[in-house]
Amino acid sequence: MPFKSLEELRIACLSLPVGNEEARSTAAQRQEVLTKPRGSLGRLEDIAGWLACWQGRHMPKLDRVKVIVFAGNHGVTAQGVSAYPAEVTVQMVANFANGGAAINQLARVANADLEVIPLDLDRPTGDFTREPAMDEAEFLAAVSAGYDAVDENLDLVCFGEMGIGNTTPAAAVAAALFGGDVQGWTGRGTGVDDAGLGRKVAAIEAGLKRHGAVIADPLKAAAALGGRELAAILGATLAARHRNVPVLLDGFVCTAAAAPLARLHPQGLAHTLAAHVSAEAGHRRLLEALALAPLLDLGMRLGEGSGACLAVNILRSALECHAGMASFAEAGVSEN
């Protein structure tokens, strides 16, 4: 296991390599001489530079793209916070294996490999209204599972999650990390009615109160209020940084899972892009707190890495223009 203590994990979160700014600069210089008005491809130009920076090559590539979906179950579902029973998590993992979920189709279209990693689905986390979701050993085991899942040879990785009830721990973690009213962080998740939404808010408020002594620490907050799949995404995001693999973050749960890294290090999520802003309440607010501008706004709220996978094709388009366009000199086109 990579991390044997919270302090060991904390040191890893504070010891982050920087990107290759020379590669980003070289990519930007190429954009200046391609046959288009300067800056006319907007964020596509920025994406090419971002990929260059974090891959460490001025001509980045997307030959090896992977989507990793982590699945976990949550004890807080006992508080009636989800419209679906917890057994749906296991059923959906089987659906992933059979190729029947949305993420299977989106990964195929994006030419991305898909891996689904279930995390102790027969042993839900603790109900954080009554006890910590995970003790230190459980939290470190989940973080380590995520860390080990990221191959250093990848060109890009997308993270996703599956876990009935997990918008509740995501909202709790976001509220712990960034403060503010709980209602502003809490949405309907799988489609709970008004009574269910009220139960979610009450559960989160109870969790914040119960664990108030520890939640000022981002890692302890993630352990007390989060879930195994959230912890694994945190570990995977950290591994990607250490292994120079750029990351596409998915929706609210995925972003909340990675957010402790940003609270521990001011540039903790510099190697990530927000693929989309989801329809789940709190996601836009969270992206603003993290200064992450989403690539897409399609009203999605599925999870599974679906929004991140969809954005892969935007990145592929950015690189096709970056690598394939002619320069003014090559095309014999006057620059002025």
C-alpha atoms as a PDB file:
ATOM      1  CA  MET A   1       0.000   0.000   0.000  1.00  0.00           C
ATOM      2  CA  PRO A   2       1.522   3.369  -0.983  1.00  0.00           C
ATOM      3  CA  PHE A   3       0.346   5.280   2.106  1.00  0.00           C
ATOM      4  CA  LYS A   4       0.752   3.930   5.607  1.00  0.00           C
ATOM      5  CA  SER A   5      -0.333   7.066   7.488  1.00  0.00           C
ATOM      6  CA  LEU A   6      -2.216  10.306   6.972  1.00  0.00           C
ATOM      7  CA  GLU A   7       1.010  12.225   7.378  1.00  0.00           C
ATOM      8  CA  GLU A   8       2.683  10.185   4.660  1.00  0.00           C
ATOM      9  CA  LEU A   9      -0.272  10.954   2.398  1.00  0.00           C
ATOM     10  CA  ARG A  10      -0.147  14.627   3.362  1.00  0.00           C
ATOM     11  CA  ILE A  11       3.525  14.844   2.407  1.00  0.00           C
ATOM     12  CA  ALA A  12       2.716  13.294  -0.977  1.00  0.00           C
ATOM     13  CA  CYS A  13      -0.031  15.880  -1.491  1.00  0.00           C
ATOM     14  CA  LEU A  14       2.373  18.700  -0.693  1.00  0.00           C
ATOM     15  CA  SER A  15       5.232  17.335  -2.836  1.00  0.00           C
ATOM     16  CA  LEU A  16       3.828  17.824  -6.312  1.00  0.00           C
ATOM     17  CA  PRO A  17       5.882  18.031  -9.506  1.00  0.00           C
ATOM     18  CA  VAL A  18       5.319  21.061 -11.714  1.00  0.00           C
ATOM     19  CA  GLY A  19       4.388  20.905 -15.361  1.00  0.00           C
ATOM     20  CA  ASN A  20       6.767  21.444 -18.253  1.00  0.00           C
ATOM     21  CA  GLU A  21       6.286  25.120 -19.035  1.00  0.00           C
ATOM     22  CA  GLU A  22       8.839  24.975 -21.843  1.00  0.00           C
ATOM     23  CA  ALA A  23       6.633  22.438 -23.636  1.00  0.00           C
ATOM     24  CA  ARG A  24       3.580  24.630 -23.062  1.00  0.00           C
ATOM     25  CA  SER A  25       5.444  27.653 -24.433  1.00  0.00           C
ATOM     26  CA  THR A  26       6.605  25.753 -27.519  1.00  0.00           C
ATOM     27  CA  ALA A  27       3.054  24.591 -28.159  1.00  0.00           C
ATOM     28  CA  ALA A  28       1.814  28.165 -27.816  1.00  0.00           C
ATOM     29  CA  GLN A  29       4.425  29.367 -30.283  1.00  0.00           C
ATOM     30  CA  ARG A  30       3.190  26.809 -32.803  1.00  0.00           C
ATOM     31  CA  GLN A  31      -0.367  28.059 -32.354  1.00  0.00           C
ATOM     32  CA  GLU A  32       0.847  31.549 -33.302  1.00  0.00           C
ATOM     33  CA  VAL A  33       1.975  30.471 -36.785  1.00  0.00           C
ATOM     34  CA  LEU A  34      -0.895  28.169 -37.794  1.00  0.00           C
ATOM     35  CA  THR A  35      -3.231  29.272 -40.578  1.00  0.00           C
ATOM     36  CA  LYS A  36      -5.852  31.027 -38.483  1.00  0.00           C
ATOM     37  CA  PRO A  37      -6.306  34.390 -36.828  1.00  0.00           C
ATOM     38  CA  ARG A  38      -4.366  34.530 -33.585  1.00  0.00           C
ATOM     39  CA  GLY A  39      -6.383  33.051 -30.722  1.00  0.00           C
ATOM     40  CA  SER A  40      -9.307  32.146 -32.969  1.00  0.00           C
ATOM     41  CA  LEU A  41      -9.555  28.563 -31.726  1.00  0.00           C
ATOM     42  CA  GLY A  42     -10.097  29.829 -28.196  1.00  0.00           C
ATOM     43  CA  ARG A  43      -9.847  27.168 -25.523  1.00  0.00           C
ATOM     44  CA  LEU A  44      -8.752  24.544 -28.056  1.00  0.00           C
ATOM     45  CA  GLU A  45      -5.417  26.363 -28.178  1.00  0.00           C
ATOM     46  CA  ASP A  46      -5.209  26.400 -24.388  1.00  0.00           C
ATOM     47  CA  ILE A  47      -6.004  22.683 -24.249  1.00  0.00           C
ATOM     48  CA  ALA A  48      -3.124  21.878 -26.589  1.00  0.00           C
ATOM     49  CA  GLY A  49      -0.767  23.857 -24.362  1.00  0.00           C
ATOM     50  CA  TRP A  50      -2.157  22.268 -21.189  1.00  0.00           C
ATOM     51  CA  LEU A  51      -1.646  18.768 -22.576  1.00  0.00           C
ATOM     52  CA  ALA A  52       1.861  19.688 -23.704  1.00  0.00           C
ATOM     53  CA  CYS A  53       2.690  20.984 -20.244  1.00  0.00           C
ATOM     54  CA  TRP A  54       1.519  17.942 -18.322  1.00  0.00           C
ATOM     55  CA  GLN A  55       2.674  15.329 -20.821  1.00  0.00           C
ATOM     56  CA  GLY A  56       6.037  17.090 -21.101  1.00  0.00           C
ATOM     57  CA  ARG A  57       6.059  17.179 -24.917  1.00  0.00           C
ATOM     58  CA  HIS A  58       5.335  20.096 -27.239  1.00  0.00           C
ATOM     59  CA  MET A  59       3.430  17.776 -29.582  1.00  0.00           C
ATOM     60  CA  PRO A  60       1.128  15.958 -27.164  1.00  0.00           C
ATOM     61  CA  LYS A  61      -0.761  12.796 -28.066  1.00  0.00           C
ATOM     62  CA  LEU A  62      -3.829  10.881 -26.964  1.00  0.00           C
ATOM     63  CA  ASP A  63      -2.914   7.345 -27.961  1.00  0.00           C
ATOM     64  CA  ARG A  64      -3.541   5.858 -24.513  1.00  0.00           C
ATOM     65  CA  VAL A  65      -6.661   7.234 -22.860  1.00  0.00           C
ATOM     66  CA  LYS A  66      -8.327   5.472 -19.962  1.00  0.00           C
ATOM     67  CA  VAL A  67     -11.539   5.916 -17.996  1.00  0.00           C
ATOM     68  CA  ILE A  68     -11.434   4.566 -14.451  1.00  0.00           C
ATOM     69  CA  VAL A  69     -14.730   4.259 -12.576  1.00  0.00           C
ATOM     70  CA  PHE A  70     -14.554   3.615  -8.832  1.00  0.00           C
ATOM     71  CA  ALA A  71     -17.604   2.176  -7.065  1.00  0.00           C
ATOM     72  CA  GLY A  72     -18.486   2.289  -3.388  1.00  0.00           C
ATOM     73  CA  ASN A  73     -21.442   1.991  -1.019  1.00  0.00           C
ATOM     74  CA  HIS A  74     -22.459   4.393   1.720  1.00  0.00           C
ATOM     75  CA  GLY A  75     -23.862   3.882   5.190  1.00  0.00           C
ATOM     76  CA  VAL A  76     -25.525   7.291   5.123  1.00  0.00           C
ATOM     77  CA  THR A  77     -28.144   5.869   2.733  1.00  0.00           C
ATOM     78  CA  ALA A  78     -29.822   4.631   5.945  1.00  0.00           C
ATOM     79  CA  GLN A  79     -30.941   8.247   6.374  1.00  0.00           C
ATOM     80  CA  GLY A  80     -33.165   8.043   3.289  1.00  0.00           C
ATOM     81  CA  VAL A  81     -30.985  10.294   1.122  1.00  0.00           C
ATOM     82  CA  SER A  82     -31.330   8.413  -2.181  1.00  0.00           C
ATOM     83  CA  ALA A  83     -34.200   7.491  -4.477  1.00  0.00           C
ATOM     84  CA  TYR A  84     -32.565   4.103  -5.133  1.00  0.00           C
ATOM     85  CA  PRO A  85     -31.521   1.283  -2.767  1.00  0.00           C
ATOM     86  CA  ALA A  86     -27.840   0.585  -2.138  1.00  0.00           C
ATOM     87  CA  GLU A  87     -27.944  -2.737  -4.016  1.00  0.00           C
ATOM     88  CA  VAL A  88     -28.181  -0.792  -7.265  1.00  0.00           C
ATOM     89  CA  THR A  89     -24.447  -0.066  -6.969  1.00  0.00           C
ATOM     90  CA  VAL A  90     -23.615  -3.756  -7.365  1.00  0.00           C
ATOM     91  CA  GLN A  91     -26.177  -4.109 -10.147  1.00  0.00           C
ATOM     92  CA  MET A  92     -24.697  -1.185 -12.063  1.00  0.00           C
ATOM     93  CA  VAL A  93     -21.167  -2.576 -11.722  1.00  0.00           C
ATOM     94  CA  ALA A  94     -22.496  -5.739 -13.379  1.00  0.00           C
ATOM     95  CA  ASN A  95     -24.076  -3.562 -16.076  1.00  0.00           C
ATOM     96  CA  PHE A  96     -20.695  -1.927 -16.710  1.00  0.00           C
ATOM     97  CA  ALA A  97     -19.134  -5.369 -17.070  1.00  0.00           C
ATOM     98  CA  ASN A  98     -21.818  -6.349 -19.578  1.00  0.00           C
ATOM     99  CA  GLY A  99     -21.330  -3.186 -21.633  1.00  0.00           C
ATOM    100  CA  GLY A 100     -24.813  -1.835 -20.995  1.00  0.00           C
ATOM    101  CA  ALA A 101     -24.170   1.528 -19.328  1.00  0.00           C
ATOM    102  CA  ALA A 102     -23.792   4.973 -20.837  1.00  0.00           C
ATOM    103  CA  ILE A 103     -20.098   5.039 -19.993  1.00  0.00           C
ATOM    104  CA  ASN A 104     -19.499   1.905 -22.078  1.00  0.00           C
ATOM    105  CA  GLN A 105     -20.872   3.644 -25.146  1.00  0.00           C
ATOM    106  CA  LEU A 106     -19.080   6.950 -24.500  1.00  0.00           C
ATOM    107  CA  ALA A 107     -15.744   5.234 -23.861  1.00  0.00           C
ATOM    108  CA  ARG A 108     -16.037   3.360 -27.138  1.00  0.00           C
ATOM    109  CA  VAL A 109     -16.766   6.561 -29.067  1.00  0.00           C
ATOM    110  CA  ALA A 110     -13.839   8.305 -27.351  1.00  0.00           C
ATOM    111  CA  ASN A 111     -11.505   5.369 -28.112  1.00  0.00           C
ATOM    112  CA  ALA A 112     -10.762   5.056 -24.417  1.00  0.00           C
ATOM    113  CA  ASP A 113     -10.157   1.962 -22.326  1.00  0.00           C
ATOM    114  CA  LEU A 114     -12.598   1.475 -19.448  1.00  0.00           C
ATOM    115  CA  GLU A 115     -11.836  -0.038 -16.070  1.00  0.00           C
ATOM    116  CA  VAL A 116     -14.306  -0.365 -13.211  1.00  0.00           C
ATOM    117  CA  ILE A 117     -12.932  -0.851  -9.707  1.00  0.00           C
ATOM    118  CA  PRO A 118     -15.435  -1.876  -7.002  1.00  0.00           C
ATOM    119  CA  LEU A 119     -14.349  -1.063  -3.457  1.00  0.00           C
ATOM    120  CA  ASP A 120     -15.752  -3.334  -0.723  1.00  0.00           C
ATOM    121  CA  LEU A 121     -19.301  -3.041  -2.023  1.00  0.00           C
ATOM    122  CA  ASP A 122     -20.513  -5.577   0.528  1.00  0.00           C
ATOM    123  CA  ARG A 123     -19.216  -3.355   3.331  1.00  0.00           C
ATOM    124  CA  PRO A 124     -20.691   0.163   3.159  1.00  0.00           C
ATOM    125  CA  THR A 125     -18.916   3.043   4.827  1.00  0.00           C
ATOM    126  CA  GLY A 126     -20.121   4.152   8.231  1.00  0.00           C
ATOM    127  CA  ASP A 127     -23.156   6.399   8.486  1.00  0.00           C
ATOM    128  CA  PHE A 128     -21.377   9.709   8.992  1.00  0.00           C
ATOM    129  CA  THR A 129     -24.282  11.102  10.995  1.00  0.00           C
ATOM    130  CA  ARG A 130     -23.335   8.576  13.704  1.00  0.00           C
ATOM    131  CA  GLU A 131     -19.657   7.732  13.148  1.00  0.00           C
ATOM    132  CA  PRO A 132     -16.806   8.468  10.738  1.00  0.00           C
ATOM    133  CA  ALA A 133     -17.441   7.155   7.241  1.00  0.00           C
ATOM    134  CA  MET A 134     -13.978   5.577   7.314  1.00  0.00           C
ATOM    135  CA  ASP A 135     -11.321   5.167   9.929  1.00  0.00           C
ATOM    136  CA  GLU A 136      -7.752   6.057   8.989  1.00  0.00           C
ATOM    137  CA  ALA A 137      -6.866   2.547   7.781  1.00  0.00           C
ATOM    138  CA  GLU A 138      -9.975   2.276   5.597  1.00  0.00           C
ATOM    139  CA  PHE A 139      -9.433   5.722   4.121  1.00  0.00           C
ATOM    140  CA  LEU A 140      -5.776   5.043   3.336  1.00  0.00           C
ATOM    141  CA  ALA A 141      -6.647   1.693   1.757  1.00  0.00           C
ATOM    142  CA  ALA A 142      -9.135   3.377  -0.589  1.00  0.00           C
ATOM    143  CA  VAL A 143      -6.745   6.229  -1.437  1.00  0.00           C
ATOM    144  CA  SER A 144      -4.030   3.689  -2.137  1.00  0.00           C
ATOM    145  CA  ALA A 145      -6.313   1.635  -4.388  1.00  0.00           C
ATOM    146  CA  GLY A 146      -6.901   4.746  -6.469  1.00  0.00           C
ATOM    147  CA  TYR A 147      -3.237   5.645  -6.511  1.00  0.00           C
ATOM    148  CA  ASP A 148      -2.274   2.188  -7.761  1.00  0.00           C
ATOM    149  CA  ALA A 149      -4.877   2.301 -10.549  1.00  0.00           C
ATOM    150  CA  VAL A 150      -3.105   4.980 -12.616  1.00  0.00           C
ATOM    151  CA  ASP A 151      -0.512   3.756 -15.123  1.00  0.00           C
ATOM    152  CA  GLU A 152       2.356   6.169 -15.735  1.00  0.00           C
ATOM    153  CA  ASN A 153       2.254   5.390 -19.464  1.00  0.00           C
ATOM    154  CA  LEU A 154      -1.193   6.936 -19.975  1.00  0.00           C
ATOM    155  CA  ASP A 155      -1.599  10.076 -22.072  1.00  0.00           C
ATOM    156  CA  LEU A 156      -4.841  11.069 -20.344  1.00  0.00           C
ATOM    157  CA  VAL A 157      -7.065   9.656 -17.623  1.00  0.00           C
ATOM    158  CA  CYS A 158     -10.732  10.296 -16.859  1.00  0.00           C
ATOM    159  CA  PHE A 159     -12.209   9.494 -13.466  1.00  0.00           C
ATOM    160  CA  GLY A 160     -15.757   8.512 -12.714  1.00  0.00           C
ATOM    161  CA  GLU A 161     -17.751   7.024  -9.861  1.00  0.00           C
ATOM    162  CA  MET A 162     -20.720   4.850  -9.057  1.00  0.00           C
ATOM    163  CA  GLY A 163     -22.234   4.732  -5.599  1.00  0.00           C
ATOM    164  CA  ILE A 164     -25.863   5.058  -4.588  1.00  0.00           C
ATOM    165  CA  GLY A 165     -26.168   7.993  -2.202  1.00  0.00           C
ATOM    166  CA  ASN A 166     -22.759   9.455  -3.006  1.00  0.00           C
ATOM    167  CA  THR A 167     -23.937  12.991  -3.778  1.00  0.00           C
ATOM    168  CA  THR A 168     -24.578  13.244  -0.026  1.00  0.00           C
ATOM    169  CA  PRO A 169     -20.947  12.626   1.044  1.00  0.00           C
ATOM    170  CA  ALA A 170     -19.790  14.764  -1.892  1.00  0.00           C
ATOM    171  CA  ALA A 171     -21.883  17.688  -0.674  1.00  0.00           C
ATOM    172  CA  ALA A 172     -20.700  17.089   2.889  1.00  0.00           C
ATOM    173  CA  VAL A 173     -17.043  17.143   1.824  1.00  0.00           C
ATOM    174  CA  ALA A 174     -17.582  20.292  -0.250  1.00  0.00           C
ATOM    175  CA  ALA A 175     -19.283  22.037   2.662  1.00  0.00           C
ATOM    176  CA  ALA A 176     -16.485  21.009   5.012  1.00  0.00           C
ATOM    177  CA  LEU A 177     -13.761  22.222   2.650  1.00  0.00           C
ATOM    178  CA  PHE A 178     -15.330  25.493   1.512  1.00  0.00           C
ATOM    179  CA  GLY A 179     -17.981  26.397   4.081  1.00  0.00           C
ATOM    180  CA  GLY A 180     -21.248  28.111   3.319  1.00  0.00           C
ATOM    181  CA  ASP A 181     -24.828  26.973   3.689  1.00  0.00           C
ATOM    182  CA  VAL A 182     -25.438  23.262   3.349  1.00  0.00           C
ATOM    183  CA  GLN A 183     -28.535  23.751   1.180  1.00  0.00           C
ATOM    184  CA  GLY A 184     -26.403  25.448  -1.472  1.00  0.00           C
ATOM    185  CA  TRP A 185     -24.229  22.347  -1.771  1.00  0.00           C
ATOM    186  CA  THR A 186     -27.054  19.812  -1.711  1.00  0.00           C
ATOM    187  CA  GLY A 187     -29.000  18.631  -4.762  1.00  0.00           C
ATOM    188  CA  ARG A 188     -31.471  15.927  -5.643  1.00  0.00           C
ATOM    189  CA  GLY A 189     -28.887  13.360  -6.776  1.00  0.00           C
ATOM    190  CA  THR A 190     -30.763  10.406  -8.231  1.00  0.00           C
ATOM    191  CA  GLY A 191     -33.998  12.407  -8.102  1.00  0.00           C
ATOM    192  CA  VAL A 192     -35.187  12.535  -4.486  1.00  0.00           C
ATOM    193  CA  ASP A 193     -38.384  14.424  -3.756  1.00  0.00           C
ATOM    194  CA  ASP A 194     -38.600  17.418  -1.444  1.00  0.00           C
ATOM    195  CA  ALA A 195     -38.770  15.214   1.639  1.00  0.00           C
ATOM    196  CA  GLY A 196     -35.700  13.302   0.498  1.00  0.00           C
ATOM    197  CA  LEU A 197     -33.854  16.543  -0.172  1.00  0.00           C
ATOM    198  CA  GLY A 198     -34.685  17.663   3.349  1.00  0.00           C
ATOM    199  CA  ARG A 199     -33.271  14.413   4.718  1.00  0.00           C
ATOM    200  CA  LYS A 200     -30.053  14.953   2.738  1.00  0.00           C
ATOM    201  CA  VAL A 201     -29.608  18.448   4.143  1.00  0.00           C
ATOM    202  CA  ALA A 202     -30.310  17.224   7.679  1.00  0.00           C
ATOM    203  CA  ALA A 203     -27.839  14.342   7.310  1.00  0.00           C
ATOM    204  CA  ILE A 204     -25.080  16.616   6.047  1.00  0.00           C
ATOM    205  CA  GLU A 205     -25.679  19.144   8.814  1.00  0.00           C
ATOM    206  CA  ALA A 206     -25.573  16.335  11.374  1.00  0.00           C
ATOM    207  CA  GLY A 207     -22.324  15.003   9.898  1.00  0.00           C
ATOM    208  CA  LEU A 208     -20.658  18.406   9.905  1.00  0.00           C
ATOM    209  CA  LYS A 209     -21.679  18.917  13.524  1.00  0.00           C
ATOM    210  CA  ARG A 210     -20.586  15.456  14.654  1.00  0.00           C
ATOM    211  CA  HIS A 211     -17.161  15.709  12.992  1.00  0.00           C
ATOM    212  CA  GLY A 212     -16.610  19.418  13.524  1.00  0.00           C
ATOM    213  CA  ALA A 213     -13.432  18.821  15.524  1.00  0.00           C
ATOM    214  CA  VAL A 214     -11.567  17.284  12.553  1.00  0.00           C
ATOM    215  CA  ILE A 215     -13.026  18.677   9.331  1.00  0.00           C
ATOM    216  CA  ALA A 216     -10.716  21.683   9.183  1.00  0.00           C
ATOM    217  CA  ASP A 217      -8.138  19.147   7.972  1.00  0.00           C
ATOM    218  CA  PRO A 218      -8.966  18.281   4.324  1.00  0.00           C
ATOM    219  CA  LEU A 219      -7.803  14.673   4.624  1.00  0.00           C
ATOM    220  CA  LYS A 220      -9.634  14.044   7.882  1.00  0.00           C
ATOM    221  CA  ALA A 221     -12.747  15.644   6.402  1.00  0.00           C
ATOM    222  CA  ALA A 222     -12.546  13.289   3.402  1.00  0.00           C
ATOM    223  CA  ALA A 223     -12.243  10.294   5.735  1.00  0.00           C
ATOM    224  CA  ALA A 224     -15.004  11.331   8.138  1.00  0.00           C
ATOM    225  CA  LEU A 225     -17.561  12.445   5.547  1.00  0.00           C
ATOM    226  CA  GLY A 226     -16.610  10.875   2.213  1.00  0.00           C
ATOM    227  CA  GLY A 227     -16.682   7.435   0.684  1.00  0.00           C
ATOM    228  CA  ARG A 228     -14.319   4.809  -0.610  1.00  0.00           C
ATOM    229  CA  GLU A 229     -14.844   5.792  -4.253  1.00  0.00           C
ATOM    230  CA  LEU A 230     -14.225   9.461  -3.381  1.00  0.00           C
ATOM    231  CA  ALA A 231     -11.046   8.535  -1.523  1.00  0.00           C
ATOM    232  CA  ALA A 232      -9.901   6.424  -4.479  1.00  0.00           C
ATOM    233  CA  ILE A 233     -10.445   9.350  -6.865  1.00  0.00           C
ATOM    234  CA  LEU A 234      -8.337  11.522  -4.563  1.00  0.00           C
ATOM    235  CA  GLY A 235      -5.563   8.921  -4.659  1.00  0.00           C
ATOM    236  CA  ALA A 236      -5.836   8.514  -8.417  1.00  0.00           C
ATOM    237  CA  THR A 237      -5.695  12.279  -8.992  1.00  0.00           C
ATOM    238  CA  LEU A 238      -2.575  12.443  -6.832  1.00  0.00           C
ATOM    239  CA  ALA A 239      -0.977   9.531  -8.694  1.00  0.00           C
ATOM    240  CA  ALA A 240      -1.693  11.176 -12.037  1.00  0.00           C
ATOM    241  CA  ARG A 241       0.156  14.288 -10.874  1.00  0.00           C
ATOM    242  CA  HIS A 242       3.134  12.269  -9.674  1.00  0.00           C
ATOM    243  CA  ARG A 243       3.185  10.313 -12.967  1.00  0.00           C
ATOM    244  CA  ASN A 244       2.708  13.287 -15.343  1.00  0.00           C
ATOM    245  CA  VAL A 245      -0.705  12.171 -16.575  1.00  0.00           C
ATOM    246  CA  PRO A 246      -3.253  14.930 -17.274  1.00  0.00           C
ATOM    247  CA  VAL A 247      -6.736  14.398 -15.850  1.00  0.00           C
ATOM    248  CA  LEU A 248     -10.293  15.112 -16.950  1.00  0.00           C
ATOM    249  CA  LEU A 249     -12.560  15.442 -13.930  1.00  0.00           C
ATOM    250  CA  ASP A 250     -16.196  14.414 -14.262  1.00  0.00           C
ATOM    251  CA  GLY A 251     -19.101  15.834 -12.270  1.00  0.00           C
ATOM    252  CA  PHE A 252     -19.891  16.959  -8.735  1.00  0.00           C
ATOM    253  CA  VAL A 253     -18.867  13.798  -6.888  1.00  0.00           C
ATOM    254  CA  CYS A 254     -15.600  13.449  -8.786  1.00  0.00           C
ATOM    255  CA  THR A 255     -14.713  17.121  -8.312  1.00  0.00           C
ATOM    256  CA  ALA A 256     -15.508  17.019  -4.598  1.00  0.00           C
ATOM    257  CA  ALA A 257     -13.378  13.890  -4.279  1.00  0.00           C
ATOM    258  CA  ALA A 258     -10.335  15.633  -5.775  1.00  0.00           C
ATOM    259  CA  ALA A 259     -10.910  18.947  -3.968  1.00  0.00           C
ATOM    260  CA  PRO A 260      -8.887  18.096  -0.814  1.00  0.00           C
ATOM    261  CA  LEU A 261      -5.760  18.129  -2.976  1.00  0.00           C
ATOM    262  CA  ALA A 262      -6.506  21.736  -3.944  1.00  0.00           C
ATOM    263  CA  ARG A 263      -7.042  22.684  -0.303  1.00  0.00           C
ATOM    264  CA  LEU A 264      -3.681  21.184   0.625  1.00  0.00           C
ATOM    265  CA  HIS A 265      -1.698  22.665  -2.282  1.00  0.00           C
ATOM    266  CA  PRO A 266      -2.541  25.879  -4.177  1.00  0.00           C
ATOM    267  CA  GLN A 267      -1.683  24.219  -7.506  1.00  0.00           C
ATOM    268  CA  GLY A 268      -2.970  20.797  -6.518  1.00  0.00           C
ATOM    269  CA  LEU A 269      -5.381  20.490  -9.437  1.00  0.00           C
ATOM    270  CA  ALA A 270      -3.353  22.310 -12.093  1.00  0.00           C
ATOM    271  CA  HIS A 271      -3.006  19.041 -14.022  1.00  0.00           C
ATOM    272  CA  THR A 272      -6.791  18.662 -14.240  1.00  0.00           C
ATOM    273  CA  LEU A 273      -9.516  20.106 -16.421  1.00  0.00           C
ATOM    274  CA  ALA A 274     -13.197  20.185 -15.510  1.00  0.00           C
ATOM    275  CA  ALA A 275     -14.862  18.271 -18.323  1.00  0.00           C
ATOM    276  CA  HIS A 276     -18.315  19.669 -17.670  1.00  0.00           C
ATOM    277  CA  VAL A 277     -20.561  21.367 -15.143  1.00  0.00           C
ATOM    278  CA  SER A 278     -23.303  19.008 -14.091  1.00  0.00           C
ATOM    279  CA  ALA A 279     -26.932  19.754 -13.288  1.00  0.00           C
ATOM    280  CA  GLU A 280     -26.322  18.638  -9.695  1.00  0.00           C
ATOM    281  CA  ALA A 281     -26.682  21.561  -7.299  1.00  0.00           C
ATOM    282  CA  GLY A 282     -23.328  22.570  -5.899  1.00  0.00           C
ATOM    283  CA  HIS A 283     -21.142  21.588  -8.854  1.00  0.00           C
ATOM    284  CA  ARG A 284     -20.983  25.035 -10.431  1.00  0.00           C
ATOM    285  CA  ARG A 285     -20.323  26.533  -7.003  1.00  0.00           C
ATOM    286  CA  LEU A 286     -17.543  24.014  -6.404  1.00  0.00           C
ATOM    287  CA  LEU A 287     -15.911  24.658  -9.777  1.00  0.00           C
ATOM    288  CA  GLU A 288     -15.931  28.385  -9.040  1.00  0.00           C
ATOM    289  CA  ALA A 289     -14.307  27.765  -5.650  1.00  0.00           C
ATOM    290  CA  LEU A 290     -11.597  25.732  -7.387  1.00  0.00           C
ATOM    291  CA  ALA A 291     -11.217  28.218 -10.287  1.00  0.00           C
ATOM    292  CA  LEU A 292     -11.959  25.442 -12.805  1.00  0.00           C
ATOM    293  CA  ALA A 293     -13.787  26.457 -15.990  1.00  0.00           C
ATOM    294  CA  PRO A 294     -15.873  23.574 -17.416  1.00  0.00           C
ATOM    295  CA  LEU A 295     -15.550  22.585 -21.049  1.00  0.00           C
ATOM    296  CA  LEU A 296     -19.198  21.526 -21.424  1.00  0.00           C
ATOM    297  CA  ASP A 297     -22.566  22.455 -19.954  1.00  0.00           C
ATOM    298  CA  LEU A 298     -25.090  19.879 -21.162  1.00  0.00           C
ATOM    299  CA  GLY A 299     -27.296  19.451 -18.120  1.00  0.00           C
ATOM    300  CA  MET A 300     -25.820  16.012 -17.382  1.00  0.00           C
ATOM    301  CA  ARG A 301     -25.871  14.481 -13.899  1.00  0.00           C
ATOM    302  CA  LEU A 302     -25.240  10.790 -14.484  1.00  0.00           C
ATOM    303  CA  GLY A 303     -21.762  10.321 -13.062  1.00  0.00           C
ATOM    304  CA  GLU A 304     -19.860   7.217 -14.222  1.00  0.00           C
ATOM    305  CA  GLY A 305     -17.243   9.495 -15.817  1.00  0.00           C
ATOM    306  CA  SER A 306     -19.736  10.225 -18.598  1.00  0.00           C
ATOM    307  CA  GLY A 307     -19.055  13.952 -18.887  1.00  0.00           C
ATOM    308  CA  ALA A 308     -15.298  13.456 -18.711  1.00  0.00           C
ATOM    309  CA  CYS A 309     -15.402  10.798 -21.404  1.00  0.00           C
ATOM    310  CA  LEU A 310     -17.537  12.989 -23.626  1.00  0.00           C
ATOM    311  CA  ALA A 311     -14.939  15.769 -23.361  1.00  0.00           C
ATOM    312  CA  VAL A 312     -12.149  13.486 -24.598  1.00  0.00           C
ATOM    313  CA  ASN A 313     -13.285  14.175 -28.140  1.00  0.00           C
ATOM    314  CA  ILE A 314     -12.897  17.909 -27.595  1.00  0.00           C
ATOM    315  CA  LEU A 315      -9.297  17.262 -26.565  1.00  0.00           C
ATOM    316  CA  ARG A 316      -8.776  15.055 -29.612  1.00  0.00           C
ATOM    317  CA  SER A 317     -10.084  17.866 -31.816  1.00  0.00           C
ATOM    318  CA  ALA A 318      -7.729  20.335 -30.167  1.00  0.00           C
ATOM    319  CA  LEU A 319      -4.750  18.078 -30.876  1.00  0.00           C
ATOM    320  CA  GLU A 320      -5.794  17.380 -34.470  1.00  0.00           C
ATOM    321  CA  CYS A 321      -5.758  21.107 -35.142  1.00  0.00           C
ATOM    322  CA  HIS A 322      -2.493  21.570 -33.232  1.00  0.00           C
ATOM    323  CA  ALA A 323      -0.658  18.805 -35.088  1.00  0.00           C
ATOM    324  CA  GLY A 324      -2.368  18.793 -38.464  1.00  0.00           C
ATOM    325  CA  MET A 325      -2.839  22.412 -39.459  1.00  0.00           C
ATOM    326  CA  ALA A 326      -0.305  24.006 -41.764  1.00  0.00           C
ATOM    327  CA  SER A 327       1.715  27.020 -40.795  1.00  0.00           C
ATOM    328  CA  PHE A 328       1.398  30.228 -42.796  1.00  0.00           C
ATOM    329  CA  ALA A 329       4.794  29.522 -44.357  1.00  0.00           C
ATOM    330  CA  GLU A 330       3.916  25.904 -45.256  1.00  0.00           C
ATOM    331  CA  ALA A 331       0.613  26.898 -46.806  1.00  0.00           C
ATOM    332  CA  GLY A 332       1.964  29.943 -48.610  1.00  0.00           C
ATOM    333  CA  VAL A 333      -0.604  32.146 -46.853  1.00  0.00           C
ATOM    334  CA  SER A 334       0.265  35.713 -45.978  1.00  0.00           C
ATOM    335  CA  GLU A 335       0.192  36.457 -42.249  1.00  0.00           C
ATOM    336  CA  ASN A 336      -0.513  40.178 -42.697  1.00  0.00           C
END
